[in-house]
Amino acid sequence: MPNTRSARKRVRQAERNRLRNKMYKTRIKTAIRRLEEALTGGDPTAIQEALRRAVSAIDRAAVRGAIHRNTAARKKSRLMQRLKKLGVVA
């Protein structure tokens, strides 16, 4: 248990930040899952829209500090590699 006022405040801040970071990470996972669902559907416009949303969610999380910028770059790179392999993205 925290003993000082500042330590108690840090506990509150850490919990608030943990929940915020969790929200951003969940948004990334959902966006990637929807992109994968669009890929199984095969509609090119739906795939492009899902890709745009996934990249946006990843970038937003990186800017907010929920994930490291290198992690964001790696996730985007792997998505692009998969799409390129399937011939969806040039």
N, C-alpha and C. Protein backbone atom coordinates (compact mmCIF):
# COMPACT_ATOMS: atom_id res chain seq x y z
N MET A 1 0.84 -1.18 0.00
CA MET A 1 0.00 0.00 0.00
C MET A 1 0.89 1.25 0.00
N PRO A 2 0.46 2.27 -0.71
CA PRO A 2 1.25 3.52 -0.73
C PRO A 2 1.15 4.23 0.62
N ASN A 3 2.26 4.82 1.00
CA ASN A 3 2.32 5.47 2.32
C ASN A 3 2.20 6.98 2.24
N THR A 4 2.54 7.55 1.11
CA THR A 4 2.51 9.02 1.02
C THR A 4 1.39 9.46 0.09
N ARG A 5 1.06 10.74 0.17
CA ARG A 5 0.00 11.29 -0.70
C ARG A 5 0.40 11.16 -2.16
N SER A 6 1.67 11.45 -2.45
CA SER A 6 2.12 11.39 -3.85
C SER A 6 2.08 9.95 -4.37
N ALA A 7 2.38 8.99 -3.51
CA ALA A 7 2.33 7.59 -3.92
C ALA A 7 0.89 7.17 -4.19
N ARG A 8 -0.03 7.64 -3.36
CA ARG A 8 -1.45 7.32 -3.59
C ARG A 8 -1.92 7.91 -4.92
N LYS A 9 -1.46 9.13 -5.19
CA LYS A 9 -1.83 9.78 -6.45
C LYS A 9 -1.26 8.99 -7.64
N ARG A 10 0.00 8.53 -7.53
CA ARG A 10 0.61 7.76 -8.61
C ARG A 10 -0.18 6.47 -8.87
N VAL A 11 -0.69 5.85 -7.81
CA VAL A 11 -1.50 4.64 -7.96
C VAL A 11 -2.75 4.95 -8.77
N ARG A 12 -3.40 6.07 -8.43
CA ARG A 12 -4.61 6.46 -9.18
C ARG A 12 -4.28 6.75 -10.63
N GLN A 13 -3.19 7.47 -10.87
CA GLN A 13 -2.80 7.81 -12.24
C GLN A 13 -2.44 6.56 -13.03
N ALA A 14 -1.72 5.64 -12.40
CA ALA A 14 -1.30 4.42 -13.08
C ALA A 14 -2.52 3.60 -13.50
N GLU A 15 -3.51 3.52 -12.63
CA GLU A 15 -4.72 2.76 -12.97
C GLU A 15 -5.47 3.42 -14.13
N ARG A 16 -5.58 4.74 -14.07
CA ARG A 16 -6.25 5.47 -15.15
C ARG A 16 -5.52 5.27 -16.47
N ASN A 17 -4.19 5.36 -16.45
CA ASN A 17 -3.41 5.17 -17.67
C ASN A 17 -3.50 3.74 -18.17
N ARG A 18 -3.52 2.76 -17.25
CA ARG A 18 -3.63 1.36 -17.64
C ARG A 18 -4.93 1.11 -18.40
N LEU A 19 -6.02 1.67 -17.90
CA LEU A 19 -7.31 1.49 -18.56
C LEU A 19 -7.33 2.18 -19.92
N ARG A 20 -6.72 3.36 -20.02
CA ARG A 20 -6.67 4.08 -21.29
C ARG A 20 -5.84 3.30 -22.30
N ASN A 21 -4.68 2.79 -21.88
CA ASN A 21 -3.83 2.01 -22.78
C ASN A 21 -4.53 0.73 -23.22
N LYS A 22 -5.26 0.11 -22.30
CA LYS A 22 -6.01 -1.10 -22.63
C LYS A 22 -7.04 -0.81 -23.72
N MET A 23 -7.69 0.34 -23.62
CA MET A 23 -8.69 0.73 -24.61
C MET A 23 -8.06 0.84 -26.00
N TYR A 24 -6.90 1.52 -26.08
CA TYR A 24 -6.24 1.68 -27.37
C TYR A 24 -5.78 0.34 -27.94
N LYS A 25 -5.26 -0.52 -27.09
CA LYS A 25 -4.79 -1.83 -27.56
C LYS A 25 -5.96 -2.69 -28.04
N THR A 26 -7.08 -2.58 -27.34
CA THR A 26 -8.27 -3.33 -27.76
C THR A 26 -8.77 -2.84 -29.11
N ARG A 27 -8.71 -1.51 -29.32
CA ARG A 27 -9.13 -0.96 -30.61
C ARG A 27 -8.26 -1.49 -31.74
N ILE A 28 -6.96 -1.63 -31.48
CA ILE A 28 -6.05 -2.16 -32.50
C ILE A 28 -6.44 -3.59 -32.84
N LYS A 29 -6.63 -4.41 -31.82
CA LYS A 29 -6.97 -5.82 -32.04
C LYS A 29 -8.27 -5.95 -32.81
N THR A 30 -9.26 -5.13 -32.46
CA THR A 30 -10.55 -5.18 -33.14
C THR A 30 -10.40 -4.76 -34.60
N ALA A 31 -9.63 -3.71 -34.85
CA ALA A 31 -9.44 -3.24 -36.23
C ALA A 31 -8.74 -4.29 -37.07
N ILE A 32 -7.75 -4.95 -36.51
CA ILE A 32 -7.04 -5.99 -37.25
C ILE A 32 -7.96 -7.18 -37.51
N ARG A 33 -8.77 -7.53 -36.52
CA ARG A 33 -9.70 -8.64 -36.70
C ARG A 33 -10.72 -8.31 -37.80
N ARG A 34 -11.19 -7.07 -37.84
CA ARG A 34 -12.15 -6.68 -38.89
C ARG A 34 -11.49 -6.66 -40.26
N LEU A 35 -10.20 -6.34 -40.31
CA LEU A 35 -9.47 -6.40 -41.57
C LEU A 35 -9.38 -7.84 -42.05
N GLU A 36 -9.10 -8.76 -41.14
CA GLU A 36 -9.04 -10.18 -41.51
C GLU A 36 -10.40 -10.69 -41.98
N GLU A 37 -11.47 -10.21 -41.34
CA GLU A 37 -12.81 -10.59 -41.78
C GLU A 37 -13.10 -10.04 -43.17
N ALA A 38 -12.65 -8.82 -43.44
CA ALA A 38 -12.85 -8.23 -44.77
C ALA A 38 -12.07 -9.01 -45.81
N LEU A 39 -10.90 -9.50 -45.44
CA LEU A 39 -10.10 -10.29 -46.38
C LEU A 39 -10.82 -11.58 -46.76
N THR A 40 -11.49 -12.21 -45.80
CA THR A 40 -12.22 -13.43 -46.13
C THR A 40 -13.44 -13.11 -46.99
N GLY A 41 -13.99 -11.90 -46.82
CA GLY A 41 -15.13 -11.49 -47.63
C GLY A 41 -14.73 -11.23 -49.08
N GLY A 42 -13.55 -10.67 -49.28
CA GLY A 42 -13.03 -10.47 -50.63
C GLY A 42 -13.43 -9.16 -51.30
N ASP A 43 -14.20 -8.31 -50.64
CA ASP A 43 -14.61 -7.04 -51.24
C ASP A 43 -13.45 -6.04 -51.14
N PRO A 44 -12.91 -5.58 -52.28
CA PRO A 44 -11.74 -4.69 -52.25
C PRO A 44 -11.99 -3.37 -51.51
N THR A 45 -13.17 -2.80 -51.66
CA THR A 45 -13.42 -1.53 -50.97
C THR A 45 -13.49 -1.73 -49.46
N ALA A 46 -14.09 -2.84 -49.03
CA ALA A 46 -14.17 -3.15 -47.61
C ALA A 46 -12.77 -3.41 -47.04
N ILE A 47 -11.93 -4.05 -47.82
CA ILE A 47 -10.55 -4.32 -47.39
C ILE A 47 -9.79 -3.02 -47.23
N GLN A 48 -9.91 -2.13 -48.20
CA GLN A 48 -9.20 -0.85 -48.12
C GLN A 48 -9.68 -0.02 -46.92
N GLU A 49 -10.97 -0.03 -46.68
CA GLU A 49 -11.53 0.71 -45.55
C GLU A 49 -11.04 0.11 -44.23
N ALA A 50 -11.06 -1.22 -44.14
CA ALA A 50 -10.61 -1.88 -42.91
C ALA A 50 -9.12 -1.64 -42.69
N LEU A 51 -8.35 -1.63 -43.77
CA LEU A 51 -6.92 -1.36 -43.66
C LEU A 51 -6.68 0.06 -43.16
N ARG A 52 -7.42 1.00 -43.72
CA ARG A 52 -7.28 2.40 -43.30
C ARG A 52 -7.59 2.55 -41.82
N ARG A 53 -8.65 1.89 -41.36
CA ARG A 53 -9.03 1.97 -39.95
C ARG A 53 -7.99 1.31 -39.04
N ALA A 54 -7.45 0.19 -39.48
CA ALA A 54 -6.45 -0.52 -38.68
C ALA A 54 -5.18 0.31 -38.54
N VAL A 55 -4.70 0.87 -39.64
CA VAL A 55 -3.49 1.69 -39.60
C VAL A 55 -3.73 2.93 -38.74
N SER A 56 -4.91 3.50 -38.85
CA SER A 56 -5.25 4.67 -38.05
C SER A 56 -5.25 4.34 -36.56
N ALA A 57 -5.82 3.20 -36.20
CA ALA A 57 -5.87 2.80 -34.79
C ALA A 57 -4.46 2.55 -34.25
N ILE A 58 -3.62 1.92 -35.07
CA ILE A 58 -2.25 1.66 -34.65
C ILE A 58 -1.49 2.96 -34.45
N ASP A 59 -1.62 3.87 -35.42
CA ASP A 59 -0.92 5.16 -35.32
C ASP A 59 -1.39 5.96 -34.11
N ARG A 60 -2.69 5.94 -33.88
CA ARG A 60 -3.25 6.71 -32.76
C ARG A 60 -2.72 6.17 -31.43
N ALA A 61 -2.64 4.85 -31.31
CA ALA A 61 -2.12 4.26 -30.07
C ALA A 61 -0.65 4.61 -29.86
N ALA A 62 0.11 4.66 -30.96
CA ALA A 62 1.52 4.99 -30.85
C ALA A 62 1.71 6.45 -30.45
N VAL A 63 0.92 7.33 -31.03
CA VAL A 63 1.03 8.75 -30.70
C VAL A 63 0.65 8.98 -29.23
N ARG A 64 -0.33 8.26 -28.75
CA ARG A 64 -0.79 8.43 -27.37
C ARG A 64 0.15 7.76 -26.36
N GLY A 65 1.05 6.91 -26.86
CA GLY A 65 2.00 6.25 -25.97
C GLY A 65 1.52 4.92 -25.43
N ALA A 66 0.42 4.40 -25.93
CA ALA A 66 -0.08 3.11 -25.47
C ALA A 66 0.82 1.99 -25.96
N ILE A 67 1.39 2.16 -27.16
CA ILE A 67 2.37 1.21 -27.67
C ILE A 67 3.57 2.00 -28.18
N HIS A 68 4.70 1.35 -28.26
CA HIS A 68 5.93 2.00 -28.74
C HIS A 68 5.82 2.23 -30.24
N ARG A 69 6.48 3.26 -30.74
CA ARG A 69 6.38 3.58 -32.17
C ARG A 69 6.97 2.48 -33.03
N ASN A 70 7.99 1.77 -32.54
CA ASN A 70 8.55 0.65 -33.30
C ASN A 70 7.56 -0.52 -33.36
N THR A 71 6.81 -0.71 -32.29
CA THR A 71 5.78 -1.75 -32.28
C THR A 71 4.71 -1.41 -33.31
N ALA A 72 4.34 -0.14 -33.38
CA ALA A 72 3.33 0.29 -34.36
C ALA A 72 3.85 0.06 -35.78
N ALA A 73 5.10 0.42 -36.02
CA ALA A 73 5.68 0.23 -37.35
C ALA A 73 5.72 -1.24 -37.71
N ARG A 74 6.08 -2.09 -36.75
CA ARG A 74 6.15 -3.53 -37.00
C ARG A 74 4.76 -4.09 -37.32
N LYS A 75 3.75 -3.68 -36.56
CA LYS A 75 2.40 -4.17 -36.82
C LYS A 75 1.92 -3.76 -38.21
N LYS A 76 2.15 -2.50 -38.57
CA LYS A 76 1.73 -2.02 -39.89
C LYS A 76 2.49 -2.75 -41.00
N SER A 77 3.78 -2.96 -40.78
CA SER A 77 4.59 -3.64 -41.78
C SER A 77 4.09 -5.07 -42.00
N ARG A 78 3.78 -5.75 -40.93
CA ARG A 78 3.31 -7.13 -41.06
C ARG A 78 1.95 -7.20 -41.73
N LEU A 79 1.09 -6.21 -41.45
CA LEU A 79 -0.20 -6.17 -42.14
C LEU A 79 0.01 -5.97 -43.64
N MET A 80 0.88 -5.04 -44.00
CA MET A 80 1.14 -4.76 -45.42
C MET A 80 1.76 -5.96 -46.12
N GLN A 81 2.65 -6.68 -45.43
CA GLN A 81 3.26 -7.87 -46.02
C GLN A 81 2.19 -8.92 -46.32
N ARG A 82 1.27 -9.11 -45.38
CA ARG A 82 0.21 -10.10 -45.58
C ARG A 82 -0.69 -9.70 -46.75
N LEU A 83 -1.04 -8.41 -46.83
CA LEU A 83 -1.91 -7.96 -47.89
C LEU A 83 -1.21 -8.04 -49.25
N LYS A 84 0.06 -7.73 -49.26
CA LYS A 84 0.82 -7.79 -50.51
C LYS A 84 0.94 -9.24 -50.98
N LYS A 85 1.14 -10.15 -50.04
CA LYS A 85 1.25 -11.57 -50.36
C LYS A 85 -0.05 -12.09 -50.99
N LEU A 86 -1.17 -11.56 -50.51
CA LEU A 86 -2.48 -11.97 -51.05
C LEU A 86 -2.81 -11.21 -52.35
N GLY A 87 -1.98 -10.23 -52.69
CA GLY A 87 -2.21 -9.45 -53.91
C GLY A 87 -3.26 -8.39 -53.78
N VAL A 88 -3.56 -7.99 -52.55
CA VAL A 88 -4.60 -6.96 -52.32
C VAL A 88 -4.01 -5.58 -52.47
N VAL A 89 -2.80 -5.37 -51.93
CA VAL A 89 -2.14 -4.06 -51.99
C VAL A 89 -0.95 -4.15 -52.89
N ALA A 90 -0.80 -3.14 -53.76
CA ALA A 90 0.33 -3.14 -54.71
C ALA A 90 1.61 -2.79 -54.03
